[in-house]
PDBML (XML) file of the C-alpha atoms, coordinates in Angstrom:
<?xml version="1.0" encoding="UTF-8" ?>
<PDBx:datablock datablockName="MODEL"
   xmlns:PDBx="http://pdbml.pdb.org/schema/pdbx-v50.xsd"
   xmlns:xsi="http://www.w3.org/2001/XMLSchema-instance"
   xsi:schemaLocation="http://pdbml.pdb.org/schema/pdbx-v50.xsd pdbx-v50.xsd">
   <PDBx:atom_siteCategory>
      <PDBx:atom_site id="1">
         <PDBx:B_iso_or_equiv>0.00</PDBx:B_iso_or_equiv>
         <PDBx:Cartn_x>118.774</PDBx:Cartn_x>
         <PDBx:Cartn_y>275.174</PDBx:Cartn_y>
         <PDBx:Cartn_z>54.335</PDBx:Cartn_z>
         <PDBx:auth_asym_id>A</PDBx:auth_asym_id>
         <PDBx:auth_atom_id>CA</PDBx:auth_atom_id>
         <PDBx:auth_comp_id>SER</PDBx:auth_comp_id>
         <PDBx:auth_seq_id>1</PDBx:auth_seq_id>
         <PDBx:group_PDB>ATOM</PDBx:group_PDB>
         <PDBx:label_alt_id xsi:nil="true" />
         <PDBx:label_asym_id>A</PDBx:label_asym_id>
         <PDBx:label_atom_id>CA</PDBx:label_atom_id>
         <PDBx:label_comp_id>SER</PDBx:label_comp_id>
         <PDBx:label_entity_id>1</PDBx:label_entity_id>
         <PDBx:label_seq_id>1</PDBx:label_seq_id>
         <PDBx:occupancy>1.00</PDBx:occupancy>
         <PDBx:pdbx_PDB_model_num>1</PDBx:pdbx_PDB_model_num>
         <PDBx:type_symbol>C</PDBx:type_symbol>
      </PDBx:atom_site>
      <PDBx:atom_site id="2">
         <PDBx:B_iso_or_equiv>0.00</PDBx:B_iso_or_equiv>
         <PDBx:Cartn_x>115.134</PDBx:Cartn_x>
         <PDBx:Cartn_y>275.277</PDBx:Cartn_y>
         <PDBx:Cartn_z>53.236</PDBx:Cartn_z>
         <PDBx:auth_asym_id>A</PDBx:auth_asym_id>
         <PDBx:auth_atom_id>CA</PDBx:auth_atom_id>
         <PDBx:auth_comp_id>ASP</PDBx:auth_comp_id>
         <PDBx:auth_seq_id>2</PDBx:auth_seq_id>
         <PDBx:group_PDB>ATOM</PDBx:group_PDB>
         <PDBx:label_alt_id xsi:nil="true" />
         <PDBx:label_asym_id>A</PDBx:label_asym_id>
         <PDBx:label_atom_id>CA</PDBx:label_atom_id>
         <PDBx:label_comp_id>ASP</PDBx:label_comp_id>
         <PDBx:label_entity_id>1</PDBx:label_entity_id>
         <PDBx:label_seq_id>2</PDBx:label_seq_id>
         <PDBx:occupancy>1.00</PDBx:occupancy>
         <PDBx:pdbx_PDB_model_num>1</PDBx:pdbx_PDB_model_num>
         <PDBx:type_symbol>C</PDBx:type_symbol>
      </PDBx:atom_site>
      <PDBx:atom_site id="3">
         <PDBx:B_iso_or_equiv>0.00</PDBx:B_iso_or_equiv>
         <PDBx:Cartn_x>114.978</PDBx:Cartn_x>
         <PDBx:Cartn_y>279.077</PDBx:Cartn_y>
         <PDBx:Cartn_z>53.149</PDBx:Cartn_z>
         <PDBx:auth_asym_id>A</PDBx:auth_asym_id>
         <PDBx:auth_atom_id>CA</PDBx:auth_atom_id>
         <PDBx:auth_comp_id>ASN</PDBx:auth_comp_id>
         <PDBx:auth_seq_id>3</PDBx:auth_seq_id>
         <PDBx:group_PDB>ATOM</PDBx:group_PDB>
         <PDBx:label_alt_id xsi:nil="true" />
         <PDBx:label_asym_id>A</PDBx:label_asym_id>
         <PDBx:label_atom_id>CA</PDBx:label_atom_id>
         <PDBx:label_comp_id>ASN</PDBx:label_comp_id>
         <PDBx:label_entity_id>1</PDBx:label_entity_id>
         <PDBx:label_seq_id>3</PDBx:label_seq_id>
         <PDBx:occupancy>1.00</PDBx:occupancy>
         <PDBx:pdbx_PDB_model_num>1</PDBx:pdbx_PDB_model_num>
         <PDBx:type_symbol>C</PDBx:type_symbol>
      </PDBx:atom_site>
      <PDBx:atom_site id="4">
         <PDBx:B_iso_or_equiv>0.00</PDBx:B_iso_or_equiv>
         <PDBx:Cartn_x>114.809</PDBx:Cartn_x>
         <PDBx:Cartn_y>280.905</PDBx:Cartn_y>
         <PDBx:Cartn_z>49.822</PDBx:Cartn_z>
         <PDBx:auth_asym_id>A</PDBx:auth_asym_id>
         <PDBx:auth_atom_id>CA</PDBx:auth_atom_id>
         <PDBx:auth_comp_id>LEU</PDBx:auth_comp_id>
         <PDBx:auth_seq_id>4</PDBx:auth_seq_id>
         <PDBx:group_PDB>ATOM</PDBx:group_PDB>
         <PDBx:label_alt_id xsi:nil="true" />
         <PDBx:label_asym_id>A</PDBx:label_asym_id>
         <PDBx:label_atom_id>CA</PDBx:label_atom_id>
         <PDBx:label_comp_id>LEU</PDBx:label_comp_id>
         <PDBx:label_entity_id>1</PDBx:label_entity_id>
         <PDBx:label_seq_id>4</PDBx:label_seq_id>
         <PDBx:occupancy>1.00</PDBx:occupancy>
         <PDBx:pdbx_PDB_model_num>1</PDBx:pdbx_PDB_model_num>
         <PDBx:type_symbol>C</PDBx:type_symbol>
      </PDBx:atom_site>
      <PDBx:atom_site id="5">
         <PDBx:B_iso_or_equiv>0.00</PDBx:B_iso_or_equiv>
         <PDBx:Cartn_x>115.643</PDBx:Cartn_x>
         <PDBx:Cartn_y>284.401</PDBx:Cartn_y>
         <PDBx:Cartn_z>48.565</PDBx:Cartn_z>
         <PDBx:auth_asym_id>A</PDBx:auth_asym_id>
         <PDBx:auth_atom_id>CA</PDBx:auth_atom_id>
         <PDBx:auth_comp_id>LEU</PDBx:auth_comp_id>
         <PDBx:auth_seq_id>5</PDBx:auth_seq_id>
         <PDBx:group_PDB>ATOM</PDBx:group_PDB>
         <PDBx:label_alt_id xsi:nil="true" />
         <PDBx:label_asym_id>A</PDBx:label_asym_id>
         <PDBx:label_atom_id>CA</PDBx:label_atom_id>
         <PDBx:label_comp_id>LEU</PDBx:label_comp_id>
         <PDBx:label_entity_id>1</PDBx:label_entity_id>
         <PDBx:label_seq_id>5</PDBx:label_seq_id>
         <PDBx:occupancy>1.00</PDBx:occupancy>
         <PDBx:pdbx_PDB_model_num>1</PDBx:pdbx_PDB_model_num>
         <PDBx:type_symbol>C</PDBx:type_symbol>
      </PDBx:atom_site>
      <PDBx:atom_site id="6">
         <PDBx:B_iso_or_equiv>0.00</PDBx:B_iso_or_equiv>
         <PDBx:Cartn_x>114.489</PDBx:Cartn_x>
         <PDBx:Cartn_y>285.551</PDBx:Cartn_y>
         <PDBx:Cartn_z>45.116</PDBx:Cartn_z>
         <PDBx:auth_asym_id>A</PDBx:auth_asym_id>
         <PDBx:auth_atom_id>CA</PDBx:auth_atom_id>
         <PDBx:auth_comp_id>VAL</PDBx:auth_comp_id>
         <PDBx:auth_seq_id>6</PDBx:auth_seq_id>
         <PDBx:group_PDB>ATOM</PDBx:group_PDB>
         <PDBx:label_alt_id xsi:nil="true" />
         <PDBx:label_asym_id>A</PDBx:label_asym_id>
         <PDBx:label_atom_id>CA</PDBx:label_atom_id>
         <PDBx:label_comp_id>VAL</PDBx:label_comp_id>
         <PDBx:label_entity_id>1</PDBx:label_entity_id>
         <PDBx:label_seq_id>6</PDBx:label_seq_id>
         <PDBx:occupancy>1.00</PDBx:occupancy>
         <PDBx:pdbx_PDB_model_num>1</PDBx:pdbx_PDB_model_num>
         <PDBx:type_symbol>C</PDBx:type_symbol>
      </PDBx:atom_site>
      <PDBx:atom_site id="7">
         <PDBx:B_iso_or_equiv>0.00</PDBx:B_iso_or_equiv>
         <PDBx:Cartn_x>116.345</PDBx:Cartn_x>
         <PDBx:Cartn_y>288.762</PDBx:Cartn_y>
         <PDBx:Cartn_z>44.266</PDBx:Cartn_z>
         <PDBx:auth_asym_id>A</PDBx:auth_asym_id>
         <PDBx:auth_atom_id>CA</PDBx:auth_atom_id>
         <PDBx:auth_comp_id>TYR</PDBx:auth_comp_id>
         <PDBx:auth_seq_id>7</PDBx:auth_seq_id>
         <PDBx:group_PDB>ATOM</PDBx:group_PDB>
         <PDBx:label_alt_id xsi:nil="true" />
         <PDBx:label_asym_id>A</PDBx:label_asym_id>
         <PDBx:label_atom_id>CA</PDBx:label_atom_id>
         <PDBx:label_comp_id>TYR</PDBx:label_comp_id>
         <PDBx:label_entity_id>1</PDBx:label_entity_id>
         <PDBx:label_seq_id>7</PDBx:label_seq_id>
         <PDBx:occupancy>1.00</PDBx:occupancy>
         <PDBx:pdbx_PDB_model_num>1</PDBx:pdbx_PDB_model_num>
         <PDBx:type_symbol>C</PDBx:type_symbol>
      </PDBx:atom_site>
      <PDBx:atom_site id="8">
         <PDBx:B_iso_or_equiv>0.00</PDBx:B_iso_or_equiv>
         <PDBx:Cartn_x>115.600</PDBx:Cartn_x>
         <PDBx:Cartn_y>291.097</PDBx:Cartn_y>
         <PDBx:Cartn_z>41.361</PDBx:Cartn_z>
         <PDBx:auth_asym_id>A</PDBx:auth_asym_id>
         <PDBx:auth_atom_id>CA</PDBx:auth_atom_id>
         <PDBx:auth_comp_id>PHE</PDBx:auth_comp_id>
         <PDBx:auth_seq_id>8</PDBx:auth_seq_id>
         <PDBx:group_PDB>ATOM</PDBx:group_PDB>
         <PDBx:label_alt_id xsi:nil="true" />
         <PDBx:label_asym_id>A</PDBx:label_asym_id>
         <PDBx:label_atom_id>CA</PDBx:label_atom_id>
         <PDBx:label_comp_id>PHE</PDBx:label_comp_id>
         <PDBx:label_entity_id>1</PDBx:label_entity_id>
         <PDBx:label_seq_id>8</PDBx:label_seq_id>
         <PDBx:occupancy>1.00</PDBx:occupancy>
         <PDBx:pdbx_PDB_model_num>1</PDBx:pdbx_PDB_model_num>
         <PDBx:type_symbol>C</PDBx:type_symbol>
      </PDBx:atom_site>
      <PDBx:atom_site id="9">
         <PDBx:B_iso_or_equiv>0.00</PDBx:B_iso_or_equiv>
         <PDBx:Cartn_x>118.499</PDBx:Cartn_x>
         <PDBx:Cartn_y>293.127</PDBx:Cartn_y>
         <PDBx:Cartn_z>39.965</PDBx:Cartn_z>
         <PDBx:auth_asym_id>A</PDBx:auth_asym_id>
         <PDBx:auth_atom_id>CA</PDBx:auth_atom_id>
         <PDBx:auth_comp_id>GLN</PDBx:auth_comp_id>
         <PDBx:auth_seq_id>9</PDBx:auth_seq_id>
         <PDBx:group_PDB>ATOM</PDBx:group_PDB>
         <PDBx:label_alt_id xsi:nil="true" />
         <PDBx:label_asym_id>A</PDBx:label_asym_id>
         <PDBx:label_atom_id>CA</PDBx:label_atom_id>
         <PDBx:label_comp_id>GLN</PDBx:label_comp_id>
         <PDBx:label_entity_id>1</PDBx:label_entity_id>
         <PDBx:label_seq_id>9</PDBx:label_seq_id>
         <PDBx:occupancy>1.00</PDBx:occupancy>
         <PDBx:pdbx_PDB_model_num>1</PDBx:pdbx_PDB_model_num>
         <PDBx:type_symbol>C</PDBx:type_symbol>
      </PDBx:atom_site>
      <PDBx:atom_site id="10">
         <PDBx:B_iso_or_equiv>0.00</PDBx:B_iso_or_equiv>
         <PDBx:Cartn_x>118.211</PDBx:Cartn_x>
         <PDBx:Cartn_y>296.869</PDBx:Cartn_y>
         <PDBx:Cartn_z>39.406</PDBx:Cartn_z>
         <PDBx:auth_asym_id>A</PDBx:auth_asym_id>
         <PDBx:auth_atom_id>CA</PDBx:auth_atom_id>
         <PDBx:auth_comp_id>GLY</PDBx:auth_comp_id>
         <PDBx:auth_seq_id>10</PDBx:auth_seq_id>
         <PDBx:group_PDB>ATOM</PDBx:group_PDB>
         <PDBx:label_alt_id xsi:nil="true" />
         <PDBx:label_asym_id>A</PDBx:label_asym_id>
         <PDBx:label_atom_id>CA</PDBx:label_atom_id>
         <PDBx:label_comp_id>GLY</PDBx:label_comp_id>
         <PDBx:label_entity_id>1</PDBx:label_entity_id>
         <PDBx:label_seq_id>10</PDBx:label_seq_id>
         <PDBx:occupancy>1.00</PDBx:occupancy>
         <PDBx:pdbx_PDB_model_num>1</PDBx:pdbx_PDB_model_num>
         <PDBx:type_symbol>C</PDBx:type_symbol>
      </PDBx:atom_site>
      <PDBx:atom_site id="11">
         <PDBx:B_iso_or_equiv>0.00</PDBx:B_iso_or_equiv>
         <PDBx:Cartn_x>119.245</PDBx:Cartn_x>
         <PDBx:Cartn_y>299.053</PDBx:Cartn_y>
         <PDBx:Cartn_z>36.497</PDBx:Cartn_z>
         <PDBx:auth_asym_id>A</PDBx:auth_asym_id>
         <PDBx:auth_atom_id>CA</PDBx:auth_atom_id>
         <PDBx:auth_comp_id>GLY</PDBx:auth_comp_id>
         <PDBx:auth_seq_id>11</PDBx:auth_seq_id>
         <PDBx:group_PDB>ATOM</PDBx:group_PDB>
         <PDBx:label_alt_id xsi:nil="true" />
         <PDBx:label_asym_id>A</PDBx:label_asym_id>
         <PDBx:label_atom_id>CA</PDBx:label_atom_id>
         <PDBx:label_comp_id>GLY</PDBx:label_comp_id>
         <PDBx:label_entity_id>1</PDBx:label_entity_id>
         <PDBx:label_seq_id>11</PDBx:label_seq_id>
         <PDBx:occupancy>1.00</PDBx:occupancy>
         <PDBx:pdbx_PDB_model_num>1</PDBx:pdbx_PDB_model_num>
         <PDBx:type_symbol>C</PDBx:type_symbol>
      </PDBx:atom_site>
      <PDBx:atom_site id="12">
         <PDBx:B_iso_or_equiv>0.00</PDBx:B_iso_or_equiv>
         <PDBx:Cartn_x>117.982</PDBx:Cartn_x>
         <PDBx:Cartn_y>301.740</PDBx:Cartn_y>
         <PDBx:Cartn_z>34.075</PDBx:Cartn_z>
         <PDBx:auth_asym_id>A</PDBx:auth_asym_id>
         <PDBx:auth_atom_id>CA</PDBx:auth_atom_id>
         <PDBx:auth_comp_id>GLY</PDBx:auth_comp_id>
         <PDBx:auth_seq_id>12</PDBx:auth_seq_id>
         <PDBx:group_PDB>ATOM</PDBx:group_PDB>
         <PDBx:label_alt_id xsi:nil="true" />
         <PDBx:label_asym_id>A</PDBx:label_asym_id>
         <PDBx:label_atom_id>CA</PDBx:label_atom_id>
         <PDBx:label_comp_id>GLY</PDBx:label_comp_id>
         <PDBx:label_entity_id>1</PDBx:label_entity_id>
         <PDBx:label_seq_id>12</PDBx:label_seq_id>
         <PDBx:occupancy>1.00</PDBx:occupancy>
         <PDBx:pdbx_PDB_model_num>1</PDBx:pdbx_PDB_model_num>
         <PDBx:type_symbol>C</PDBx:type_symbol>
      </PDBx:atom_site>
      <PDBx:atom_site id="13">
         <PDBx:B_iso_or_equiv>0.00</PDBx:B_iso_or_equiv>
         <PDBx:Cartn_x>114.791</PDBx:Cartn_x>
         <PDBx:Cartn_y>301.912</PDBx:Cartn_y>
         <PDBx:Cartn_z>32.086</PDBx:Cartn_z>
         <PDBx:auth_asym_id>A</PDBx:auth_asym_id>
         <PDBx:auth_atom_id>CA</PDBx:auth_atom_id>
         <PDBx:auth_comp_id>ALA</PDBx:auth_comp_id>
         <PDBx:auth_seq_id>13</PDBx:auth_seq_id>
         <PDBx:group_PDB>ATOM</PDBx:group_PDB>
         <PDBx:label_alt_id xsi:nil="true" />
         <PDBx:label_asym_id>A</PDBx:label_asym_id>
         <PDBx:label_atom_id>CA</PDBx:label_atom_id>
         <PDBx:label_comp_id>ALA</PDBx:label_comp_id>
         <PDBx:label_entity_id>1</PDBx:label_entity_id>
         <PDBx:label_seq_id>13</PDBx:label_seq_id>
         <PDBx:occupancy>1.00</PDBx:occupancy>
         <PDBx:pdbx_PDB_model_num>1</PDBx:pdbx_PDB_model_num>
         <PDBx:type_symbol>C</PDBx:type_symbol>
      </PDBx:atom_site>
      <PDBx:atom_site id="14">
         <PDBx:B_iso_or_equiv>0.00</PDBx:B_iso_or_equiv>
         <PDBx:Cartn_x>113.546</PDBx:Cartn_x>
         <PDBx:Cartn_y>303.256</PDBx:Cartn_y>
         <PDBx:Cartn_z>28.779</PDBx:Cartn_z>
         <PDBx:auth_asym_id>A</PDBx:auth_asym_id>
         <PDBx:auth_atom_id>CA</PDBx:auth_atom_id>
         <PDBx:auth_comp_id>CYS</PDBx:auth_comp_id>
         <PDBx:auth_seq_id>14</PDBx:auth_seq_id>
         <PDBx:group_PDB>ATOM</PDBx:group_PDB>
         <PDBx:label_alt_id xsi:nil="true" />
         <PDBx:label_asym_id>A</PDBx:label_asym_id>
         <PDBx:label_atom_id>CA</PDBx:label_atom_id>
         <PDBx:label_comp_id>CYS</PDBx:label_comp_id>
         <PDBx:label_entity_id>1</PDBx:label_entity_id>
         <PDBx:label_seq_id>14</PDBx:label_seq_id>
         <PDBx:occupancy>1.00</PDBx:occupancy>
         <PDBx:pdbx_PDB_model_num>1</PDBx:pdbx_PDB_model_num>
         <PDBx:type_symbol>C</PDBx:type_symbol>
      </PDBx:atom_site>
      <PDBx:atom_site id="15">
         <PDBx:B_iso_or_equiv>0.00</PDBx:B_iso_or_equiv>
         <PDBx:Cartn_x>110.113</PDBx:Cartn_x>
         <PDBx:Cartn_y>303.841</PDBx:Cartn_y>
         <PDBx:Cartn_z>27.206</PDBx:Cartn_z>
         <PDBx:auth_asym_id>A</PDBx:auth_asym_id>
         <PDBx:auth_atom_id>CA</PDBx:auth_atom_id>
         <PDBx:auth_comp_id>TRP</PDBx:auth_comp_id>
         <PDBx:auth_seq_id>15</PDBx:auth_seq_id>
         <PDBx:group_PDB>ATOM</PDBx:group_PDB>
         <PDBx:label_alt_id xsi:nil="true" />
         <PDBx:label_asym_id>A</PDBx:label_asym_id>
         <PDBx:label_atom_id>CA</PDBx:label_atom_id>
         <PDBx:label_comp_id>TRP</PDBx:label_comp_id>
         <PDBx:label_entity_id>1</PDBx:label_entity_id>
         <PDBx:label_seq_id>15</PDBx:label_seq_id>
         <PDBx:occupancy>1.00</PDBx:occupancy>
         <PDBx:pdbx_PDB_model_num>1</PDBx:pdbx_PDB_model_num>
         <PDBx:type_symbol>C</PDBx:type_symbol>
      </PDBx:atom_site>
      <PDBx:atom_site id="16">
         <PDBx:B_iso_or_equiv>0.00</PDBx:B_iso_or_equiv>
         <PDBx:Cartn_x>110.421</PDBx:Cartn_x>
         <PDBx:Cartn_y>305.873</PDBx:Cartn_y>
         <PDBx:Cartn_z>23.989</PDBx:Cartn_z>
         <PDBx:auth_asym_id>A</PDBx:auth_asym_id>
         <PDBx:auth_atom_id>CA</PDBx:auth_atom_id>
         <PDBx:auth_comp_id>ASP</PDBx:auth_comp_id>
         <PDBx:auth_seq_id>16</PDBx:auth_seq_id>
         <PDBx:group_PDB>ATOM</PDBx:group_PDB>
         <PDBx:label_alt_id xsi:nil="true" />
         <PDBx:label_asym_id>A</PDBx:label_asym_id>
         <PDBx:label_atom_id>CA</PDBx:label_atom_id>
         <PDBx:label_comp_id>ASP</PDBx:label_comp_id>
         <PDBx:label_entity_id>1</PDBx:label_entity_id>
         <PDBx:label_seq_id>16</PDBx:label_seq_id>
         <PDBx:occupancy>1.00</PDBx:occupancy>
         <PDBx:pdbx_PDB_model_num>1</PDBx:pdbx_PDB_model_num>
         <PDBx:type_symbol>C</PDBx:type_symbol>
      </PDBx:atom_site>
      <PDBx:atom_site id="17">
         <PDBx:B_iso_or_equiv>0.00</PDBx:B_iso_or_equiv>
         <PDBx:Cartn_x>112.710</PDBx:Cartn_x>
         <PDBx:Cartn_y>306.683</PDBx:Cartn_y>
         <PDBx:Cartn_z>21.082</PDBx:Cartn_z>
         <PDBx:auth_asym_id>A</PDBx:auth_asym_id>
         <PDBx:auth_atom_id>CA</PDBx:auth_atom_id>
         <PDBx:auth_comp_id>GLY</PDBx:auth_comp_id>
         <PDBx:auth_seq_id>17</PDBx:auth_seq_id>
         <PDBx:group_PDB>ATOM</PDBx:group_PDB>
         <PDBx:label_alt_id xsi:nil="true" />
         <PDBx:label_asym_id>A</PDBx:label_asym_id>
         <PDBx:label_atom_id>CA</PDBx:label_atom_id>
         <PDBx:label_comp_id>GLY</PDBx:label_comp_id>
         <PDBx:label_entity_id>1</PDBx:label_entity_id>
         <PDBx:label_seq_id>17</PDBx:label_seq_id>
         <PDBx:occupancy>1.00</PDBx:occupancy>
         <PDBx:pdbx_PDB_model_num>1</PDBx:pdbx_PDB_model_num>
         <PDBx:type_symbol>C</PDBx:type_symbol>
      </PDBx:atom_site>
      <PDBx:atom_site id="18">
         <PDBx:B_iso_or_equiv>0.00</PDBx:B_iso_or_equiv>
         <PDBx:Cartn_x>114.787</PDBx:Cartn_x>
         <PDBx:Cartn_y>309.115</PDBx:Cartn_y>
         <PDBx:Cartn_z>23.078</PDBx:Cartn_z>
         <PDBx:auth_asym_id>A</PDBx:auth_asym_id>
         <PDBx:auth_atom_id>CA</PDBx:auth_atom_id>
         <PDBx:auth_comp_id>PHE</PDBx:auth_comp_id>
         <PDBx:auth_seq_id>18</PDBx:auth_seq_id>
         <PDBx:group_PDB>ATOM</PDBx:group_PDB>
         <PDBx:label_alt_id xsi:nil="true" />
         <PDBx:label_asym_id>A</PDBx:label_asym_id>
         <PDBx:label_atom_id>CA</PDBx:label_atom_id>
         <PDBx:label_comp_id>PHE</PDBx:label_comp_id>
         <PDBx:label_entity_id>1</PDBx:label_entity_id>
         <PDBx:label_seq_id>18</PDBx:label_seq_id>
         <PDBx:occupancy>1.00</PDBx:occupancy>
         <PDBx:pdbx_PDB_model_num>1</PDBx:pdbx_PDB_model_num>
         <PDBx:type_symbol>C</PDBx:type_symbol>
      </PDBx:atom_site>
      <PDBx:atom_site id="19">
         <PDBx:B_iso_or_equiv>0.00</PDBx:B_iso_or_equiv>
         <PDBx:Cartn_x>115.416</PDBx:Cartn_x>
         <PDBx:Cartn_y>307.004</PDBx:Cartn_y>
         <PDBx:Cartn_z>26.162</PDBx:Cartn_z>
         <PDBx:auth_asym_id>A</PDBx:auth_asym_id>
         <PDBx:auth_atom_id>CA</PDBx:auth_atom_id>
         <PDBx:auth_comp_id>THR</PDBx:auth_comp_id>
         <PDBx:auth_seq_id>19</PDBx:auth_seq_id>
         <PDBx:group_PDB>ATOM</PDBx:group_PDB>
         <PDBx:label_alt_id xsi:nil="true" />
         <PDBx:label_asym_id>A</PDBx:label_asym_id>
         <PDBx:label_atom_id>CA</PDBx:label_atom_id>
         <PDBx:label_comp_id>THR</PDBx:label_comp_id>
         <PDBx:label_entity_id>1</PDBx:label_entity_id>
         <PDBx:label_seq_id>19</PDBx:label_seq_id>
         <PDBx:occupancy>1.00</PDBx:occupancy>
         <PDBx:pdbx_PDB_model_num>1</PDBx:pdbx_PDB_model_num>
         <PDBx:type_symbol>C</PDBx:type_symbol>
      </PDBx:atom_site>
      <PDBx:atom_site id="20">
         <PDBx:B_iso_or_equiv>0.00</PDBx:B_iso_or_equiv>
         <PDBx:Cartn_x>115.725</PDBx:Cartn_x>
         <PDBx:Cartn_y>303.672</PDBx:Cartn_y>
         <PDBx:Cartn_z>24.342</PDBx:Cartn_z>
         <PDBx:auth_asym_id>A</PDBx:auth_asym_id>
         <PDBx:auth_atom_id>CA</PDBx:auth_atom_id>
         <PDBx:auth_comp_id>CYS</PDBx:auth_comp_id>
         <PDBx:auth_seq_id>20</PDBx:auth_seq_id>
         <PDBx:group_PDB>ATOM</PDBx:group_PDB>
         <PDBx:label_alt_id xsi:nil="true" />
         <PDBx:label_asym_id>A</PDBx:label_asym_id>
         <PDBx:label_atom_id>CA</PDBx:label_atom_id>
         <PDBx:label_comp_id>CYS</PDBx:label_comp_id>
         <PDBx:label_entity_id>1</PDBx:label_entity_id>
         <PDBx:label_seq_id>20</PDBx:label_seq_id>
         <PDBx:occupancy>1.00</PDBx:occupancy>
         <PDBx:pdbx_PDB_model_num>1</PDBx:pdbx_PDB_model_num>
         <PDBx:type_symbol>C</PDBx:type_symbol>
      </PDBx:atom_site>
      <PDBx:atom_site id="21">
         <PDBx:B_iso_or_equiv>0.00</PDBx:B_iso_or_equiv>
         <PDBx:Cartn_x>117.795</PDBx:Cartn_x>
         <PDBx:Cartn_y>305.262</PDBx:Cartn_y>
         <PDBx:Cartn_z>21.607</PDBx:Cartn_z>
         <PDBx:auth_asym_id>A</PDBx:auth_asym_id>
         <PDBx:auth_atom_id>CA</PDBx:auth_atom_id>
         <PDBx:auth_comp_id>GLY</PDBx:auth_comp_id>
         <PDBx:auth_seq_id>21</PDBx:auth_seq_id>
         <PDBx:group_PDB>ATOM</PDBx:group_PDB>
         <PDBx:label_alt_id xsi:nil="true" />
         <PDBx:label_asym_id>A</PDBx:label_asym_id>
         <PDBx:label_atom_id>CA</PDBx:label_atom_id>
         <PDBx:label_comp_id>GLY</PDBx:label_comp_id>
         <PDBx:label_entity_id>1</PDBx:label_entity_id>
         <PDBx:label_seq_id>21</PDBx:label_seq_id>
         <PDBx:occupancy>1.00</PDBx:occupancy>
         <PDBx:pdbx_PDB_model_num>1</PDBx:pdbx_PDB_model_num>
         <PDBx:type_symbol>C</PDBx:type_symbol>
      </PDBx:atom_site>
      <PDBx:atom_site id="22">
         <PDBx:B_iso_or_equiv>0.00</PDBx:B_iso_or_equiv>
         <PDBx:Cartn_x>120.133</PDBx:Cartn_x>
         <PDBx:Cartn_y>306.825</PDBx:Cartn_y>
         <PDBx:Cartn_z>24.176</PDBx:Cartn_z>
         <PDBx:auth_asym_id>A</PDBx:auth_asym_id>
         <PDBx:auth_atom_id>CA</PDBx:auth_atom_id>
         <PDBx:auth_comp_id>SER</PDBx:auth_comp_id>
         <PDBx:auth_seq_id>22</PDBx:auth_seq_id>
         <PDBx:group_PDB>ATOM</PDBx:group_PDB>
         <PDBx:label_alt_id xsi:nil="true" />
         <PDBx:label_asym_id>A</PDBx:label_asym_id>
         <PDBx:label_atom_id>CA</PDBx:label_atom_id>
         <PDBx:label_comp_id>SER</PDBx:label_comp_id>
         <PDBx:label_entity_id>1</PDBx:label_entity_id>
         <PDBx:label_seq_id>22</PDBx:label_seq_id>
         <PDBx:occupancy>1.00</PDBx:occupancy>
         <PDBx:pdbx_PDB_model_num>1</PDBx:pdbx_PDB_model_num>
         <PDBx:type_symbol>C</PDBx:type_symbol>
      </PDBx:atom_site>
      <PDBx:atom_site id="23">
         <PDBx:B_iso_or_equiv>0.00</PDBx:B_iso_or_equiv>
         <PDBx:Cartn_x>120.995</PDBx:Cartn_x>
         <PDBx:Cartn_y>303.525</PDBx:Cartn_y>
         <PDBx:Cartn_z>25.877</PDBx:Cartn_z>
         <PDBx:auth_asym_id>A</PDBx:auth_asym_id>
         <PDBx:auth_atom_id>CA</PDBx:auth_atom_id>
         <PDBx:auth_comp_id>ILE</PDBx:auth_comp_id>
         <PDBx:auth_seq_id>23</PDBx:auth_seq_id>
         <PDBx:group_PDB>ATOM</PDBx:group_PDB>
         <PDBx:label_alt_id xsi:nil="true" />
         <PDBx:label_asym_id>A</PDBx:label_asym_id>
         <PDBx:label_atom_id>CA</PDBx:label_atom_id>
         <PDBx:label_comp_id>ILE</PDBx:label_comp_id>
         <PDBx:label_entity_id>1</PDBx:label_entity_id>
         <PDBx:label_seq_id>23</PDBx:label_seq_id>
         <PDBx:occupancy>1.00</PDBx:occupancy>
         <PDBx:pdbx_PDB_model_num>1</PDBx:pdbx_PDB_model_num>
         <PDBx:type_symbol>C</PDBx:type_symbol>
      </PDBx:atom_site>
      <PDBx:atom_site id="24">
         <PDBx:B_iso_or_equiv>0.00</PDBx:B_iso_or_equiv>
         <PDBx:Cartn_x>120.728</PDBx:Cartn_x>
         <PDBx:Cartn_y>301.706</PDBx:Cartn_y>
         <PDBx:Cartn_z>22.541</PDBx:Cartn_z>
         <PDBx:auth_asym_id>A</PDBx:auth_asym_id>
         <PDBx:auth_atom_id>CA</PDBx:auth_atom_id>
         <PDBx:auth_comp_id>GLY</PDBx:auth_comp_id>
         <PDBx:auth_seq_id>24</PDBx:auth_seq_id>
         <PDBx:group_PDB>ATOM</PDBx:group_PDB>
         <PDBx:label_alt_id xsi:nil="true" />
         <PDBx:label_asym_id>A</PDBx:label_asym_id>
         <PDBx:label_atom_id>CA</PDBx:label_atom_id>
         <PDBx:label_comp_id>GLY</PDBx:label_comp_id>
         <PDBx:label_entity_id>1</PDBx:label_entity_id>
         <PDBx:label_seq_id>24</PDBx:label_seq_id>
         <PDBx:occupancy>1.00</PDBx:occupancy>
         <PDBx:pdbx_PDB_model_num>1</PDBx:pdbx_PDB_model_num>
         <PDBx:type_symbol>C</PDBx:type_symbol>
      </PDBx:atom_site>
   </PDBx:atom_siteCategory>
</PDBx:datablock>
């Protein structure tokens, strides 16, 4: 095949000491 899918995986996010520290 010459067709292409580029797929981006999902998941959580963090942006400060609380959120990044929580998942850290």
